[in-house]
Protein backbone atom coordinates (compact mmCIF):
# COMPACT_ATOMS: atom_id res chain seq x y z
CA MET A 1 -9.20 55.71 -24.77
CA HIS A 2 -11.49 58.74 -25.14
CA ASN A 3 -13.29 59.69 -28.33
CA THR A 4 -14.75 63.17 -28.70
CA GLY A 5 -16.64 64.14 -31.84
CA MET A 6 -17.30 67.35 -33.67
CA SER A 7 -18.25 70.59 -31.92
CA THR A 8 -19.99 73.67 -33.25
CA VAL A 9 -18.96 76.12 -30.54
CA PRO A 10 -18.87 79.73 -31.86
CA ASP A 11 -15.69 81.80 -32.09
CA VAL A 12 -14.53 83.93 -29.14
CA GLY A 13 -12.98 87.32 -28.55
CA GLY A 14 -9.36 88.21 -27.87
CA CYS A 15 -7.33 86.96 -24.96
CA GLY A 16 -5.42 90.18 -24.15
CA ARG A 17 -2.32 89.27 -22.11
CA ARG A 18 -1.24 85.63 -21.89
CA GLN A 19 -3.94 83.41 -20.41
CA VAL A 20 -3.85 79.81 -19.31
CA LEU A 21 -7.02 78.51 -20.94
CA PHE A 22 -6.71 74.91 -19.74
CA ARG A 23 -4.61 72.65 -17.55
CA GLY A 24 -5.63 69.17 -16.55
CA GLY A 25 -7.33 66.05 -17.81
CA ASP A 26 -10.92 66.96 -18.72
CA VAL A 27 -11.21 65.76 -22.33
CA GLU A 28 -14.57 67.40 -22.98
CA GLU A 29 -13.44 70.78 -21.68
CA LEU A 30 -10.25 70.82 -23.75
CA HIS A 31 -12.11 69.64 -26.84
CA GLU A 32 -14.65 72.44 -26.47
CA LEU A 33 -11.94 75.07 -25.97
CA ILE A 34 -9.98 73.97 -29.02
CA SER A 35 -13.15 73.82 -31.11
CA THR A 36 -13.94 77.35 -30.01
CA ARG A 37 -10.48 78.76 -30.58
CA PHE A 38 -9.58 76.85 -33.75
CA ALA A 39 -12.37 74.93 -35.49
CA PRO A 40 -14.80 72.06 -34.90
CA HIS A 41 -12.87 68.80 -34.88
CA HIS A 42 -12.73 65.16 -33.85
CA MET A 43 -10.34 64.35 -30.98
CA ASP A 44 -9.33 60.82 -30.00
CA VAL A 45 -7.16 60.31 -26.90
CA LEU A 46 -5.10 57.15 -27.45
CA ASP A 47 -3.54 56.87 -23.95
CA ASP A 48 -5.55 54.94 -21.38
CA ALA A 49 -4.03 57.20 -18.72
CA GLY A 50 -5.88 60.17 -20.25
CA LEU A 51 -4.89 63.78 -20.78
CA ASP A 52 -2.48 66.02 -18.92
CA GLY A 53 -3.06 68.99 -21.17
CA ARG A 54 -1.91 72.61 -21.23
CA PHE A 55 -3.44 75.26 -23.51
CA GLU A 56 -2.40 78.93 -23.39
CA CYS A 57 -3.36 81.98 -25.41
CA ALA A 58 -0.53 84.51 -25.66
CA HIS A 59 -2.22 86.92 -28.07
CA GLN A 60 -5.26 87.22 -30.30
CA GLY A 61 -5.24 89.84 -33.05
CA SER A 62 -4.45 89.98 -36.76
CA VAL A 63 -1.98 87.25 -35.80
CA THR A 64 -2.97 84.91 -32.96
CA LEU A 65 -0.50 82.89 -30.93
CA TYR A 66 -1.35 79.79 -28.89
CA GLU A 67 0.77 77.18 -27.12
CA LEU A 68 -0.71 73.70 -26.75
CA GLY A 69 0.23 70.27 -25.49
CA TYR A 70 -2.05 67.35 -24.70
CA GLY A 71 0.14 65.31 -22.35
CA ALA A 72 -1.10 62.19 -24.13
CA GLU A 73 -0.88 60.56 -27.54
CA ILE A 74 -3.77 61.97 -29.49
CA ASP A 75 -5.39 62.06 -32.94
CA ILE A 76 -6.94 65.31 -34.21
CA THR A 77 -9.09 65.61 -37.34
CA PRO A 78 -10.85 68.93 -38.16
CA ALA A 79 -14.48 68.55 -39.20
CA ALA A 80 -14.06 70.68 -42.34
CA PRO A 81 -11.32 72.32 -44.43
CA LEU A 82 -9.59 75.25 -42.77
CA ASP A 83 -10.63 78.86 -43.38
CA PHE A 84 -7.43 80.38 -41.92
CA TYR A 85 -3.66 79.78 -42.00
CA ASN A 86 -2.34 77.48 -39.28
CA ILE A 87 1.43 77.57 -38.72
CA ASN A 88 2.57 74.83 -36.36
CA ILE A 89 5.95 75.23 -34.65
CA PRO A 90 6.97 72.24 -32.50
CA LEU A 91 8.79 73.27 -29.33
CA VAL A 92 9.08 69.81 -27.75
CA GLY A 93 8.27 66.32 -28.97
CA GLY A 94 6.85 65.29 -32.31
CA GLY A 95 4.14 63.51 -34.21
CA GLY A 96 2.76 63.29 -37.72
CA VAL A 97 0.68 65.52 -39.99
CA THR A 98 -1.30 64.61 -43.09
CA LEU A 99 -2.34 67.46 -45.40
CA ASP A 100 -4.74 66.90 -48.29
CA GLY A 101 -4.08 63.18 -48.05
CA LYS A 102 -0.27 63.46 -48.07
CA ARG A 103 1.92 62.71 -45.06
CA LEU A 104 4.24 65.67 -44.44
CA SER A 105 7.95 65.18 -43.79
CA SER A 106 7.89 67.53 -40.78
CA THR A 107 5.47 68.80 -38.16
CA LEU A 108 6.89 72.30 -38.75
CA HIS A 109 4.25 73.15 -41.29
CA ILE A 110 1.65 75.54 -42.70
CA ALA A 111 -1.91 74.61 -43.63
CA GLY A 112 -4.32 77.10 -45.16
CA PRO A 113 -7.86 77.83 -46.35
CA GLY A 114 -9.52 74.96 -48.17
CA GLN A 115 -6.97 72.39 -47.04
CA GLU A 116 -7.80 69.28 -45.02
CA MET A 117 -5.43 67.95 -42.40
CA SER A 118 -5.17 65.42 -39.63
CA MET A 119 -2.58 65.21 -36.86
CA ARG A 120 -1.21 62.72 -34.36
CA TRP A 121 0.78 64.16 -31.45
CA GLY A 122 2.95 62.32 -28.96
CA ALA A 123 2.46 62.63 -25.22
CA GLU A 124 5.51 64.92 -24.84
CA THR A 125 4.62 67.23 -27.71
CA PHE A 126 4.18 70.93 -27.03
CA ASN A 127 3.50 73.22 -30.00
CA ARG A 128 3.51 76.95 -30.66
CA ILE A 129 0.70 77.74 -33.11
CA LEU A 130 0.22 80.90 -35.14
CA LEU A 131 -3.17 81.55 -36.72
CA ILE A 132 -3.48 84.12 -39.52
CA PRO A 133 -6.92 84.93 -41.00
CA ARG A 134 -7.12 84.75 -44.79
CA GLU A 135 -8.06 88.44 -45.05
CA VAL A 136 -4.79 89.43 -43.30
CA THR A 137 -2.73 87.42 -45.79
CA ASP A 138 -4.82 88.73 -48.69
CA ARG A 139 -4.06 92.31 -47.64
CA ALA A 140 -0.34 91.58 -47.48
CA VAL A 141 -0.44 89.93 -50.91
CA SER A 142 -2.50 92.78 -52.40
CA ALA A 143 0.19 95.25 -51.32
CA ARG A 144 2.62 93.26 -53.50
CA LEU A 145 0.34 92.50 -56.46
CA GLY A 146 -1.62 95.75 -56.53
CA GLU A 147 -4.91 93.86 -56.21
CA LEU A 148 -6.59 91.36 -53.93
CA PRO A 149 -5.94 87.74 -54.94
CA ASP A 150 -8.94 85.93 -56.40
CA SER A 151 -8.13 82.68 -54.59
CA PRO A 152 -6.47 81.78 -51.28
CA LEU A 153 -2.69 81.80 -51.30
CA VAL A 154 -1.28 78.28 -50.83
CA PHE A 155 2.09 77.88 -49.12
CA ASP A 156 4.51 75.04 -49.60
CA PRO A 157 3.44 73.10 -46.51
CA VAL A 158 6.78 72.24 -44.86
CA LEU A 159 9.10 74.93 -43.49
CA ASP A 160 12.74 73.90 -43.87
CA ASP A 161 14.41 74.93 -40.61
CA ARG A 162 17.81 74.21 -42.16
CA ALA A 163 17.43 77.35 -44.27
CA ASP A 164 18.93 80.49 -42.72
CA GLU A 165 15.95 82.67 -43.65
CA VAL A 166 13.47 80.22 -42.09
CA GLN A 167 15.59 80.05 -38.92
CA ALA A 168 15.52 83.86 -38.80
CA TRP A 169 11.71 83.87 -39.12
CA LEU A 170 11.37 81.24 -36.39
CA ARG A 171 13.54 83.38 -34.11
CA LEU A 172 11.19 86.24 -34.89
CA THR A 173 8.22 84.18 -33.67
CA SER A 174 10.09 83.46 -30.43
CA GLN A 175 10.83 87.17 -30.03
CA PHE A 176 7.14 87.88 -30.64
CA ALA A 177 6.20 85.48 -27.83
CA GLU A 178 8.68 87.21 -25.51
CA PHE A 179 7.43 90.66 -26.56
CA LEU A 180 3.83 89.65 -25.76
CA ASP A 181 4.87 88.87 -22.18
CA SER A 182 6.58 92.23 -21.77
CA PRO A 183 5.01 95.46 -20.41
CA LEU A 184 5.66 97.15 -23.77
CA ALA A 185 3.08 94.99 -25.57
CA ALA A 186 0.27 96.39 -23.42
CA ARG A 187 1.57 99.97 -23.58
CA SER A 188 2.23 100.14 -27.32
CA PRO A 189 -0.50 98.73 -29.57
CA LEU A 190 1.24 100.38 -32.54
CA ALA A 191 4.42 98.40 -31.88
CA LEU A 192 2.31 95.26 -31.53
CA GLY A 193 0.66 95.91 -34.88
CA HIS A 194 4.04 96.41 -36.56
CA PHE A 195 5.27 93.13 -35.05
CA GLU A 196 2.22 91.29 -36.43
CA LYS A 197 2.81 92.77 -39.88
CA LEU A 198 6.49 91.84 -39.72
CA LEU A 199 5.57 88.22 -39.05
CA VAL A 200 3.13 88.04 -41.97
CA ASP A 201 5.39 89.83 -44.47
CA GLY A 202 8.38 87.81 -43.32
CA LEU A 203 6.49 84.55 -43.82
CA LEU A 204 5.52 85.59 -47.36
CA ASP A 205 9.18 86.26 -48.10
CA VAL A 206 10.75 83.11 -46.62
CA GLN A 207 8.19 80.48 -47.61
CA ALA A 208 7.33 79.70 -51.23
CA HIS A 209 3.67 80.14 -52.17
CA THR A 210 1.42 80.33 -55.20
CA PHE A 211 2.03 84.07 -55.77
CA SER A 212 5.80 84.08 -55.13
CA ASP A 213 6.90 84.39 -58.76
CA VAL A 214 4.35 87.09 -59.61
CA ALA A 215 5.11 89.12 -56.49
CA ASP A 216 8.87 88.83 -57.04
CA GLY A 217 8.49 89.99 -60.62
CA ILE A 218 6.41 93.00 -59.65
CA ALA A 219 8.79 93.88 -56.82
CA ALA A 220 11.72 93.83 -59.24
CA ALA A 221 9.91 96.04 -61.75
CA VAL A 222 8.53 98.67 -59.35
CA PRO A 223 10.84 101.10 -57.51
CA ARG A 224 11.03 100.88 -53.75
CA ALA A 225 9.41 104.29 -53.16
CA VAL A 226 6.36 103.33 -55.21
CA ARG A 227 6.10 100.03 -53.34
CA ARG A 228 6.24 101.90 -50.02
CA ALA A 229 3.41 104.18 -51.16
CA ARG A 230 1.41 101.17 -52.32
CA ASP A 231 1.95 99.40 -48.99
CA PHE A 232 0.86 102.57 -47.20
CA CYS A 233 -2.41 102.55 -49.19
CA ALA A 234 -3.07 98.92 -48.24
CA ASP A 235 -2.46 99.57 -44.55
CA HIS A 236 -4.30 102.92 -44.27
CA ALA A 237 -7.13 102.66 -46.81
CA HIS A 238 -9.67 103.03 -43.99
CA GLU A 239 -8.18 106.41 -43.00
CA PRO A 240 -8.60 109.85 -44.66
CA ILE A 241 -5.22 109.75 -46.42
CA SER A 242 -4.13 111.85 -49.41
CA PRO A 243 -1.37 111.72 -52.05
CA ALA A 244 0.66 113.98 -49.74
CA ASP A 245 0.44 111.35 -47.00
CA MET A 246 1.41 108.64 -49.49
CA ALA A 247 4.40 110.68 -50.67
CA GLN A 248 5.53 111.31 -47.10
CA ALA A 249 5.32 107.59 -46.31
CA ALA A 250 7.35 106.84 -49.45
CA GLY A 251 9.93 109.52 -48.67
CA ILE A 252 9.48 111.38 -51.97
CA SER A 253 7.71 114.47 -53.26
CA VAL A 254 4.10 114.43 -54.43
CA GLN A 255 5.28 115.20 -57.98
CA SER A 256 7.69 112.22 -57.89
CA LEU A 257 4.94 110.03 -56.47
CA ARG A 258 2.60 110.92 -59.35
CA GLU A 259 5.32 110.31 -61.91
CA GLY A 260 6.22 106.98 -60.32
CA PHE A 261 2.62 105.76 -60.32
CA ARG A 262 2.13 106.92 -63.92
CA ARG A 263 5.29 105.27 -65.19
CA HIS A 264 5.25 102.00 -63.24
CA LEU A 265 1.57 101.36 -62.41
CA ASP A 266 -0.11 103.26 -65.25
CA THR A 267 -2.41 105.09 -62.85
CA THR A 268 -2.51 108.01 -60.42
CA PRO A 269 -2.07 107.81 -56.64
CA LEU A 270 -5.72 108.80 -56.08
CA ALA A 271 -7.01 106.27 -58.59
CA TYR A 272 -4.87 103.55 -57.01
CA LEU A 273 -6.17 104.39 -53.53
CA ARG A 274 -9.72 104.40 -54.84
CA GLY A 275 -9.16 100.96 -56.37
CA VAL A 276 -7.89 99.57 -53.06
CA ARG A 277 -10.94 100.98 -51.28
CA LEU A 278 -13.30 99.57 -53.90
CA MET A 279 -11.77 96.13 -53.38
CA ARG A 280 -12.38 96.45 -49.64
CA VAL A 281 -15.96 97.57 -50.28
CA ARG A 282 -16.57 94.56 -52.51
CA ARG A 283 -15.09 92.18 -49.98
CA ASP A 284 -17.36 93.61 -47.25
CA LEU A 285 -20.48 93.51 -49.44
CA VAL A 286 -19.82 89.87 -50.33
CA ALA A 287 -19.42 89.09 -46.61
CA VAL A 288 -22.82 90.72 -45.93
CA ALA A 289 -24.42 88.87 -48.86
CA GLU A 290 -23.10 85.53 -47.57
CA GLY A 291 -24.27 86.22 -44.01
CA ARG A 292 -20.78 86.56 -42.54
CA ALA A 293 -21.32 90.22 -41.64
CA THR A 294 -24.10 92.78 -41.33
CA GLY A 295 -24.54 96.14 -43.02
CA ASN A 296 -25.78 97.91 -46.13
CA VAL A 297 -24.30 99.62 -49.19
CA THR A 298 -24.30 103.10 -47.65
CA GLY A 299 -22.62 102.01 -44.44
CA VAL A 300 -19.93 100.01 -46.24
CA ALA A 301 -19.25 102.84 -48.71
CA LEU A 302 -18.88 105.40 -45.93
CA ARG A 303 -16.61 103.04 -43.98
CA TRP A 304 -14.17 103.11 -46.88
CA GLY A 305 -14.30 106.85 -47.46
CA PHE A 306 -16.89 107.16 -50.26
CA THR A 307 -19.06 110.08 -49.15
CA HIS A 308 -20.62 110.86 -52.54
CA LEU A 309 -22.79 107.78 -53.16
CA GLY A 310 -23.59 108.64 -56.78
CA ARG A 311 -19.92 108.82 -57.79
CA PHE A 312 -19.20 105.74 -55.66
CA THR A 313 -21.83 103.71 -57.54
CA GLY A 314 -20.32 104.81 -60.84
CA TYR A 315 -16.80 103.83 -59.79
CA TYR A 316 -18.05 100.50 -58.48
CA ARG A 317 -20.00 99.69 -61.64
CA GLU A 318 -17.00 100.59 -63.79
CA ALA A 319 -14.73 98.31 -61.75
CA TYR A 320 -17.05 95.30 -61.33
CA GLY A 321 -19.72 95.56 -64.02
CA GLU A 322 -22.64 95.79 -61.60
CA ALA A 323 -24.10 98.10 -58.99
CA PRO A 324 -23.09 97.56 -55.34
CA SER A 325 -26.72 96.76 -54.54
CA GLN A 326 -26.55 93.84 -57.00
CA THR A 327 -23.51 92.44 -55.21
CA LEU A 328 -25.37 92.71 -51.92
CA ARG A 329 -28.42 90.85 -53.26
CA ASN A 330 -26.51 88.01 -54.84
CA THR A 331 -25.88 85.56 -51.98
CA THR A 332 -23.77 83.31 -54.26
CA GLN A 333 -21.53 86.14 -55.42
CA LYS A 334 -17.87 85.31 -55.68
CA ILE A 335 -15.12 87.89 -55.67
CA PRO A 336 -13.65 88.07 -59.18
């Protein structure tokens, strides 16, 4: 029996094409790799024979895909609640998962930010694991709600693979893994980005979560063309886009776009885009204030297309009731 405690190894960069990160029986090496790639954790190998592990990185981006098996019965307990979404897809074998103190009925599950989990895997278990950062999910949700959520989305933890729509999404993850191993993945980063977005949006549609009812209600009330323009804003807010670009993405005229935003969102396309950018500015300033990023007000404002700093400060104060410099100074600031 081997017992390995918590690690504080920092995060790492992308893995590019598929890489075999580990094969073998070195408990300390595998523990360090998993701590680096996932999170600090406690790992207890229950088999006296030791590990025969395999750990591969297929892709690291806005969606990251790993495949992992320990080759031994093993207990895993993260050292702290998660700060990302962890979707576990068993390919072979089984085990048990406890989430927030409750034993789940399946190892096909999702855990997310703020949740605590522990796992026991059998010696034959081999899992496909998707990691999605909270900010990626927040962006996808904001495209549906029209604003960034003020708390992490929480999924129903167990995916029911008897449901046709869940089976379709699981097939999509398998196709993603195959695509990553193809020459096209390296030659077409745009196609790769669309595949990542498809996985995230598909997951939001097939798995119930805390914003499902609100998002469904908004989707029913807002015409498809306006939703397409809104999604375009969320995906391209960092680019120099205009109402004409939004209208083209939505497949309608600029005049129809303006009328659609006025009637269904009670705003203009430019004001909506400005609001999305202000939300991104605020998120970045909070990250700087909390030490998770570096920068200053001017740099963050310019990054999101605000070139006139006086007008930017006025817009920001109107939206959030304080100057951007106040957000930056307040290290305990929470996003409203």
